[in-house]
């Protein structure tokens, strides 16, 4: 079975019971979700898979292929590079250090890492500013991947197996012209901030940030299929990941095998849609950080995202609002060839995570026009998060 609603008691979810043994019903909500998922594939995404949770009900679906050459189908439980969703994990780990009294959110980063952010900037930029992208530190990616400035893929291929050191990437962002004064808004989204937070975690704990996050966030939450990759390949069942680079790579090229040291604590995690929903449910339910720390995470400032959108950003978490249906919390993320999103209602009662194996499909000359994939994704998101609860019924 590739999709279907399942009634799952919370205790059963925690025990990872056999999903095929649970009752399902193809109701109107399920049919609508199936149609919306097929719509994303039909609009041009080779493969897409998703999980929707509504109370005790869970729906999972997959559409399309994981490999364009062989036609191998995409499957619901596949692992995915989840990009900047990693930032919520990093933020949670930092906030736990705050809760433990080892860190002050409004302390200057220069108090901890003066060699990485020296002088007046180190004294002016606080931990909070790194977390909410108001530090004014530039994005290092155009310097690490110089061909991006010409919208050309050469750097992507050249760096596929390159082992990058976080400090050299941070230096690129610190040395680049500032994007604004520390603390000014709107902030400018920058992975430099989160590589610095990774170095901060190592400085505070004496353990590499990836190991610390795995031990204190991922493992206690029971995220069995989530972790930082040990090498260029993804371990376990996964899709190929096709990068279009805004039409500069045609046909899109597979970058599923890639050394992720270029962005590890910014966007390096591998996970599944099931694990992402589990993580955000536990986060919003106060099981990963305290309610007061979550409130800090949800203090919002305007930030200009990498795609030019103005978003309401907190500390590694931001909100999306669907008119008439309220506010949802989460994050989305991309790496070369993969796009992932995870959203949850404030009470975590409604959740939606989806993974796609194509990214940056919109060509520059399409600015201001609606792309069929964007429209299809918006339909899927709305259907997943806003379908009436009365339609999510159990079989008698």
Protein backbone atom coordinates (compact mmCIF):
# COMPACT_ATOMS: atom_id res chain seq x y z
CA UNK A 1 0.00 0.00 0.00
CA UNK A 2 1.49 3.37 -1.03
CA UNK A 3 -1.00 5.65 0.70
CA UNK A 4 -3.95 5.68 3.08
CA UNK A 5 -5.38 7.01 6.34
CA UNK A 6 -4.48 5.03 9.41
CA UNK A 7 -5.94 5.37 12.90
CA UNK A 8 -2.90 5.29 15.17
CA UNK A 9 -3.18 5.66 18.95
CA UNK A 10 -0.38 7.82 20.29
CA UNK A 11 1.03 4.83 22.23
CA UNK A 12 1.11 2.79 19.03
CA UNK A 13 2.97 5.54 17.21
CA UNK A 14 5.58 5.63 19.96
CA UNK A 15 6.11 1.87 19.66
CA UNK A 16 6.48 2.00 15.85
CA UNK A 17 3.86 -0.71 15.34
CA UNK A 18 3.18 -2.38 11.99
CA UNK A 19 1.17 0.23 10.11
CA UNK A 20 -0.36 -2.29 7.69
CA UNK A 21 -2.26 -3.95 10.55
CA UNK A 22 -4.25 -0.81 11.32
CA UNK A 23 -7.69 0.07 9.94
CA UNK A 24 -7.88 2.38 6.89
CA UNK A 25 -10.65 3.97 4.90
CA UNK A 26 -10.49 5.73 1.56
CA UNK A 27 -12.65 8.72 2.47
CA UNK A 28 -13.03 12.06 0.75
CA UNK A 29 -10.04 13.57 2.58
CA UNK A 30 -7.80 10.72 1.46
CA UNK A 31 -8.96 11.05 -2.14
CA UNK A 32 -8.30 14.79 -2.07
CA UNK A 33 -4.80 14.28 -0.68
CA UNK A 34 -4.09 11.58 -3.24
CA UNK A 35 -5.22 13.93 -6.02
CA UNK A 36 -3.15 16.83 -4.66
CA UNK A 37 -0.02 14.68 -4.37
CA UNK A 38 -0.51 13.39 -7.92
CA UNK A 39 -0.90 17.01 -8.97
CA UNK A 40 2.62 17.87 -7.76
CA UNK A 41 4.05 14.96 -9.72
CA UNK A 42 1.94 15.85 -12.75
CA UNK A 43 3.19 19.44 -12.63
CA UNK A 44 6.76 18.28 -13.18
CA UNK A 45 8.30 16.91 -9.95
CA UNK A 46 9.69 13.42 -10.67
CA UNK A 47 8.88 12.10 -7.21
CA UNK A 48 7.09 13.39 -4.11
CA UNK A 49 6.07 11.74 -0.84
CA UNK A 50 4.29 13.07 2.23
CA UNK A 51 2.81 12.33 5.62
CA UNK A 52 -0.22 14.12 7.08
CA UNK A 53 -1.31 13.77 10.70
CA UNK A 54 -4.68 14.86 12.09
CA UNK A 55 -5.10 13.86 15.70
CA UNK A 56 -4.86 10.08 15.79
CA UNK A 57 -5.15 9.72 12.01
CA UNK A 58 -2.14 9.41 9.73
CA UNK A 59 -2.05 9.50 5.94
CA UNK A 60 1.03 8.70 3.88
CA UNK A 61 1.34 8.89 0.12
CA UNK A 62 3.91 8.78 -2.67
CA UNK A 63 3.72 9.70 -6.34
CA UNK A 64 6.20 9.42 -9.18
CA UNK A 65 9.69 8.00 -9.49
CA UNK A 66 12.88 8.03 -7.46
CA UNK A 67 15.06 7.43 -10.51
CA UNK A 68 14.29 8.88 -13.93
CA UNK A 69 16.58 6.38 -15.69
CA UNK A 70 15.20 3.18 -14.22
CA UNK A 71 11.65 4.26 -13.34
CA UNK A 72 12.11 3.01 -9.76
CA UNK A 73 9.10 4.36 -7.83
CA UNK A 74 9.46 6.79 -4.98
CA UNK A 75 8.40 5.27 -1.63
CA UNK A 76 6.84 6.82 1.44
CA UNK A 77 9.57 5.91 3.92
CA UNK A 78 12.54 7.07 1.89
CA UNK A 79 15.27 9.15 3.52
CA UNK A 80 15.76 12.69 2.27
CA UNK A 81 18.28 15.50 2.66
CA UNK A 82 16.05 17.99 4.47
CA UNK A 83 18.12 21.16 4.05
CA UNK A 84 17.43 24.08 6.34
CA UNK A 85 14.98 22.15 8.48
CA UNK A 86 18.30 21.32 10.18
CA UNK A 87 18.20 24.84 11.64
CA UNK A 88 15.31 23.98 13.96
CA UNK A 89 17.36 21.11 15.40
CA UNK A 90 20.40 23.37 15.88
CA UNK A 91 18.27 26.06 17.50
CA UNK A 92 16.72 23.54 19.91
CA UNK A 93 20.19 22.38 20.94
CA UNK A 94 21.31 25.98 21.54
CA UNK A 95 18.20 26.75 23.59
CA UNK A 96 18.88 23.72 25.76
CA UNK A 97 22.25 25.28 26.55
CA UNK A 98 20.41 28.45 27.52
CA UNK A 99 18.05 26.46 29.76
CA UNK A 100 21.05 24.80 31.42
CA UNK A 101 22.50 28.20 32.27
CA UNK A 102 25.56 27.79 30.06
CA UNK A 103 24.56 30.43 27.54
CA UNK A 104 22.75 33.77 27.35
CA UNK A 105 20.75 34.43 24.18
CA UNK A 106 21.73 38.08 24.27
CA UNK A 107 25.43 37.50 24.92
CA UNK A 108 27.84 38.54 22.14
CA UNK A 109 29.23 35.77 19.97
CA UNK A 110 32.63 37.37 20.50
CA UNK A 111 32.51 36.28 24.14
CA UNK A 112 32.67 32.68 22.95
CA UNK A 113 34.26 32.69 19.48
CA UNK A 114 36.38 35.86 19.27
CA UNK A 115 38.70 34.40 16.63
CA UNK A 116 35.81 33.66 14.27
CA UNK A 117 33.97 36.96 14.73
CA UNK A 118 36.61 39.40 15.98
CA UNK A 119 36.54 42.98 17.14
CA UNK A 120 33.51 45.23 17.29
CA UNK A 121 31.32 42.88 15.23
CA UNK A 122 31.95 40.07 17.68
CA UNK A 123 30.86 42.36 20.51
CA UNK A 124 27.77 43.58 18.64
CA UNK A 125 26.39 40.31 17.24
CA UNK A 126 24.48 38.26 19.80
CA UNK A 127 23.51 34.58 19.86
CA UNK A 128 19.89 35.61 19.26
CA UNK A 129 20.92 37.53 16.13
CA UNK A 130 22.59 34.44 14.73
CA UNK A 131 19.50 32.36 15.43
CA UNK A 132 17.06 34.81 13.79
CA UNK A 133 19.32 35.97 10.92
CA UNK A 134 19.63 39.59 12.05
CA UNK A 135 23.41 39.42 12.54
CA UNK A 136 24.20 41.19 9.27
CA UNK A 137 26.67 38.43 8.37
CA UNK A 138 26.62 37.63 4.66
CA UNK A 139 25.84 34.28 3.09
CA UNK A 140 29.04 32.38 2.27
CA UNK A 141 27.54 30.23 -0.50
CA UNK A 142 28.35 32.59 -3.43
CA UNK A 143 32.01 32.48 -2.33
CA UNK A 144 32.17 28.74 -1.74
CA UNK A 145 30.33 28.12 -5.05
CA UNK A 146 31.46 31.04 -7.25
CA UNK A 147 29.75 29.81 -10.41
CA UNK A 148 26.41 30.53 -8.71
CA UNK A 149 27.01 34.22 -9.37
CA UNK A 150 26.67 33.45 -13.09
CA UNK A 151 23.91 30.90 -12.48
CA UNK A 152 26.20 28.14 -13.76
CA UNK A 153 26.62 24.64 -12.29
CA UNK A 154 30.42 24.29 -12.47
CA UNK A 155 30.99 24.80 -8.75
CA UNK A 156 28.35 22.24 -7.85
CA UNK A 157 30.24 19.57 -9.77
CA UNK A 158 33.68 20.71 -8.61
CA UNK A 159 32.72 20.50 -4.92
CA UNK A 160 30.80 17.22 -4.98
CA UNK A 161 33.46 15.35 -2.98
CA UNK A 162 35.28 18.28 -1.40
CA UNK A 163 35.68 18.25 2.36
CA UNK A 164 35.05 21.79 3.63
CA UNK A 165 35.96 23.07 7.08
CA UNK A 166 33.27 25.12 8.84
CA UNK A 167 35.80 27.76 9.87
CA UNK A 168 36.87 28.44 6.28
CA UNK A 169 33.23 28.80 5.21
CA UNK A 170 32.46 31.07 8.17
CA UNK A 171 35.44 33.25 7.25
CA UNK A 172 33.97 33.75 3.76
CA UNK A 173 30.75 35.10 5.27
CA UNK A 174 32.48 37.20 7.94
CA UNK A 175 34.91 38.74 5.44
CA UNK A 176 32.18 39.56 2.90
CA UNK A 177 30.42 42.96 3.01
CA UNK A 178 27.86 43.06 5.81
CA UNK A 179 24.21 42.86 4.81
CA UNK A 180 23.15 45.22 7.59
CA UNK A 181 23.89 46.44 11.07
CA UNK A 182 23.68 43.79 13.81
CA UNK A 183 20.11 43.56 15.06
CA UNK A 184 18.58 45.57 12.21
CA UNK A 185 15.49 44.32 10.40
CA UNK A 186 14.56 42.93 8.05
CA UNK A 187 17.24 40.33 8.62
CA UNK A 188 18.93 38.57 5.73
CA UNK A 189 18.86 34.76 5.77
CA UNK A 190 22.42 33.43 5.96
CA UNK A 191 23.88 29.97 6.53
CA UNK A 192 26.95 31.66 8.02
CA UNK A 193 24.89 32.20 11.17
CA UNK A 194 24.17 28.51 11.65
CA UNK A 195 27.70 27.32 10.95
CA UNK A 196 28.75 29.70 13.74
CA UNK A 197 26.10 28.18 16.00
CA UNK A 198 27.54 24.75 15.25
CA UNK A 199 30.98 25.99 16.32
CA UNK A 200 29.40 27.53 19.41
CA UNK A 201 27.84 24.21 20.41
CA UNK A 202 31.19 22.48 20.06
CA UNK A 203 32.85 25.23 22.12
CA UNK A 204 30.26 24.85 24.92
CA UNK A 205 30.03 21.05 25.00
CA UNK A 206 33.48 19.90 23.89
CA UNK A 207 31.73 17.65 21.35
CA UNK A 208 31.27 18.19 17.60
CA UNK A 209 27.90 19.81 17.06
CA UNK A 210 26.58 16.95 14.92
CA UNK A 211 27.32 14.43 17.69
CA UNK A 212 25.85 16.68 20.37
CA UNK A 213 22.62 17.27 18.42
CA UNK A 214 22.31 13.55 17.73
CA UNK A 215 22.76 12.65 21.40
CA UNK A 216 20.58 15.39 22.96
CA UNK A 217 17.86 16.03 20.36
CA UNK A 218 17.59 13.27 17.76
CA UNK A 219 18.04 10.13 19.87
CA UNK A 220 15.83 11.15 22.85
CA UNK A 221 13.06 12.09 20.42
CA UNK A 222 13.17 8.61 18.91
CA UNK A 223 14.02 9.80 15.40
CA UNK A 224 15.39 6.50 14.17
CA UNK A 225 15.88 7.63 10.57
CA UNK A 226 17.34 11.07 11.21
CA UNK A 227 21.01 11.98 11.38
CA UNK A 228 23.96 13.79 9.88
CA UNK A 229 25.52 11.85 6.99
CA UNK A 230 28.91 10.26 7.52
CA UNK A 231 29.90 10.54 3.86
CA UNK A 232 28.66 11.62 0.43
CA UNK A 233 26.11 8.79 -0.05
CA UNK A 234 22.81 8.61 1.83
CA UNK A 235 22.56 5.40 3.82
CA UNK A 236 19.25 3.60 3.36
CA UNK A 237 16.48 3.78 0.78
CA UNK A 238 16.39 7.18 -0.90
CA UNK A 239 15.63 8.93 -4.15
CA UNK A 240 17.99 10.48 -6.63
CA UNK A 241 17.87 14.26 -6.23
CA UNK A 242 17.54 16.44 -9.32
CA UNK A 243 18.83 20.02 -9.39
CA UNK A 244 17.57 22.39 -12.10
CA UNK A 245 19.36 25.57 -10.88
CA UNK A 246 16.61 27.81 -12.23
CA UNK A 247 16.83 26.24 -15.67
CA UNK A 248 20.64 26.39 -15.93
CA UNK A 249 20.83 22.58 -15.65
CA UNK A 250 18.61 21.08 -18.32
CA UNK A 251 17.82 18.27 -17.93
CA UNK A 252 18.16 18.46 -14.13
CA UNK A 253 21.21 16.64 -12.73
CA UNK A 254 21.36 14.11 -9.87
CA UNK A 255 23.22 15.37 -6.79
CA UNK A 256 22.08 12.74 -4.29
CA UNK A 257 25.71 11.71 -3.68
CA UNK A 258 27.37 14.80 -2.22
CA UNK A 259 29.75 15.70 0.59
CA UNK A 260 27.56 17.79 2.88
CA UNK A 261 30.39 19.44 4.81
CA UNK A 262 29.61 22.59 2.81
CA UNK A 263 26.54 23.23 4.97
CA UNK A 264 26.41 20.68 7.79
CA UNK A 265 24.83 22.57 10.75
CA UNK A 266 23.02 24.86 8.32
CA UNK A 267 21.30 22.22 6.19
CA UNK A 268 23.04 18.85 6.48
CA UNK A 269 20.49 16.54 8.09
CA UNK A 270 18.96 13.45 6.49
CA UNK A 271 15.50 12.42 7.72
CA UNK A 272 12.09 11.05 6.74
CA UNK A 273 8.69 12.73 6.59
CA UNK A 274 7.56 10.57 9.52
CA UNK A 275 10.51 11.61 11.68
CA UNK A 276 9.98 15.28 10.83
CA UNK A 277 6.37 15.19 11.93
CA UNK A 278 7.41 13.42 15.11
CA UNK A 279 10.10 16.02 15.80
CA UNK A 280 7.87 19.05 15.33
CA UNK A 281 5.05 17.45 17.35
CA UNK A 282 7.42 16.89 20.27
CA UNK A 283 8.90 20.37 19.90
CA UNK A 284 5.51 22.12 19.98
CA UNK A 285 4.29 19.85 22.80
CA UNK A 286 7.19 20.98 25.00
CA UNK A 287 9.00 17.63 25.02
CA UNK A 288 12.29 18.86 23.49
CA UNK A 289 12.66 22.31 25.03
CA UNK A 290 10.63 24.01 27.76
CA UNK A 291 7.54 26.12 27.02
CA UNK A 292 9.48 29.28 27.87
CA UNK A 293 12.27 28.31 25.47
CA UNK A 294 9.68 27.55 22.79
CA UNK A 295 8.21 31.01 23.35
CA UNK A 296 11.65 32.47 22.64
CA UNK A 297 11.86 30.36 19.51
CA UNK A 298 8.52 31.80 18.38
CA UNK A 299 9.49 35.48 18.84
CA UNK A 300 9.40 36.68 15.25
CA UNK A 301 11.24 39.26 13.18
CA UNK A 302 10.96 39.98 9.44
CA UNK A 303 13.66 38.19 7.44
CA UNK A 304 14.34 38.17 3.70
CA UNK A 305 14.61 34.54 2.65
CA UNK A 306 17.02 33.29 -0.01
CA UNK A 307 14.23 33.27 -2.59
CA UNK A 308 13.39 36.89 -1.85
CA UNK A 309 10.27 36.28 0.24
CA UNK A 310 9.75 38.27 3.42
CA UNK A 311 9.07 35.71 6.17
CA UNK A 312 8.28 35.94 9.88
CA UNK A 313 11.28 34.18 11.41
CA UNK A 314 11.96 33.16 14.99
CA UNK A 315 14.89 31.17 16.32
CA UNK A 316 15.32 28.41 13.74
CA UNK A 317 11.55 28.28 13.30
CA UNK A 318 9.12 30.35 11.30
CA UNK A 319 5.42 30.58 10.70
CA UNK A 320 3.19 30.32 7.69
CA UNK A 321 -0.39 31.57 7.75
CA UNK A 322 -3.26 30.21 5.69
CA UNK A 323 -6.14 32.73 5.63
CA UNK A 324 -9.15 31.35 7.44
CA UNK A 325 -7.22 28.42 8.86
CA UNK A 326 -4.69 29.95 11.21
CA UNK A 327 -0.96 29.82 11.82
CA UNK A 328 1.36 26.86 11.29
CA UNK A 329 4.92 26.51 12.56
CA UNK A 330 7.86 24.75 10.97
CA UNK A 331 10.54 25.19 8.36
CA UNK A 332 11.38 24.23 4.81
CA UNK A 333 14.72 23.54 3.23
CA UNK A 334 16.63 22.78 0.07
CA UNK A 335 19.99 21.33 -0.86
CA UNK A 336 21.20 20.49 -4.33
CA UNK A 337 18.37 18.42 -5.81
CA UNK A 338 16.00 18.15 -2.85
CA UNK A 339 13.18 20.19 -1.33
CA UNK A 340 11.53 19.36 1.99
CA UNK A 341 8.92 21.08 4.13
CA UNK A 342 7.40 20.42 7.55
CA UNK A 343 4.51 22.36 9.11
CA UNK A 344 2.37 21.91 12.22
CA UNK A 345 -0.51 23.71 13.89
CA UNK A 346 0.31 25.48 17.15
CA UNK A 347 -1.19 22.61 19.18
CA UNK A 348 0.60 20.06 16.91
CA UNK A 349 -2.78 18.47 16.19
CA UNK A 350 -2.41 18.90 12.44
CA UNK A 351 0.90 18.23 10.69
CA UNK A 352 2.23 17.96 7.16
CA UNK A 353 5.68 16.97 5.93
CA UNK A 354 6.60 16.49 2.28
CA UNK A 355 9.75 15.67 0.32
CA UNK A 356 10.47 16.25 -3.37
CA UNK A 357 13.37 15.23 -5.59
CA UNK A 358 13.47 18.34 -7.80
CA UNK A 359 14.30 21.89 -6.79
CA UNK A 360 14.80 25.36 -8.33
CA UNK A 361 12.57 24.62 -11.29
CA UNK A 362 11.57 28.23 -11.91
CA UNK A 363 13.62 29.96 -14.65
CA UNK A 364 14.74 33.58 -14.11
CA UNK A 365 12.65 34.80 -17.04
CA UNK A 366 9.57 33.38 -15.32
CA UNK A 367 9.74 36.01 -12.56
CA UNK A 368 6.30 37.20 -11.57
CA UNK A 369 4.50 34.33 -13.28
CA UNK A 370 2.92 31.33 -11.63
CA UNK A 371 4.66 27.99 -12.19
CA UNK A 372 2.50 24.84 -12.23
CA UNK A 373 4.68 23.18 -9.56
CA UNK A 374 4.26 26.15 -7.21
CA UNK A 375 0.51 26.06 -7.70
CA UNK A 376 0.37 22.30 -7.14
CA UNK A 377 2.46 22.55 -3.96
CA UNK A 378 0.20 25.28 -2.61
CA UNK A 379 -2.81 23.06 -3.25
CA UNK A 380 -1.17 20.10 -1.49
CA UNK A 381 -0.16 22.21 1.50
CA UNK A 382 -3.64 23.68 1.89
CA UNK A 383 -5.29 20.29 1.48
CA UNK A 384 -2.96 18.68 4.03
CA UNK A 385 -3.29 21.37 6.69
CA UNK A 386 -6.84 22.64 6.21
CA UNK A 387 -9.06 19.71 5.19
CA UNK A 388 -12.11 19.63 7.51
CA UNK A 389 -11.62 17.31 10.46
CA UNK A 390 -15.08 15.83 9.86
CA UNK A 391 -13.71 14.20 6.68
CA UNK A 392 -10.98 12.39 8.58
CA UNK A 393 -13.20 9.62 9.85
CA UNK A 394 -12.59 6.02 10.75
CA UNK A 395 -14.17 3.04 9.08
CA UNK A 396 -17.10 1.70 11.13
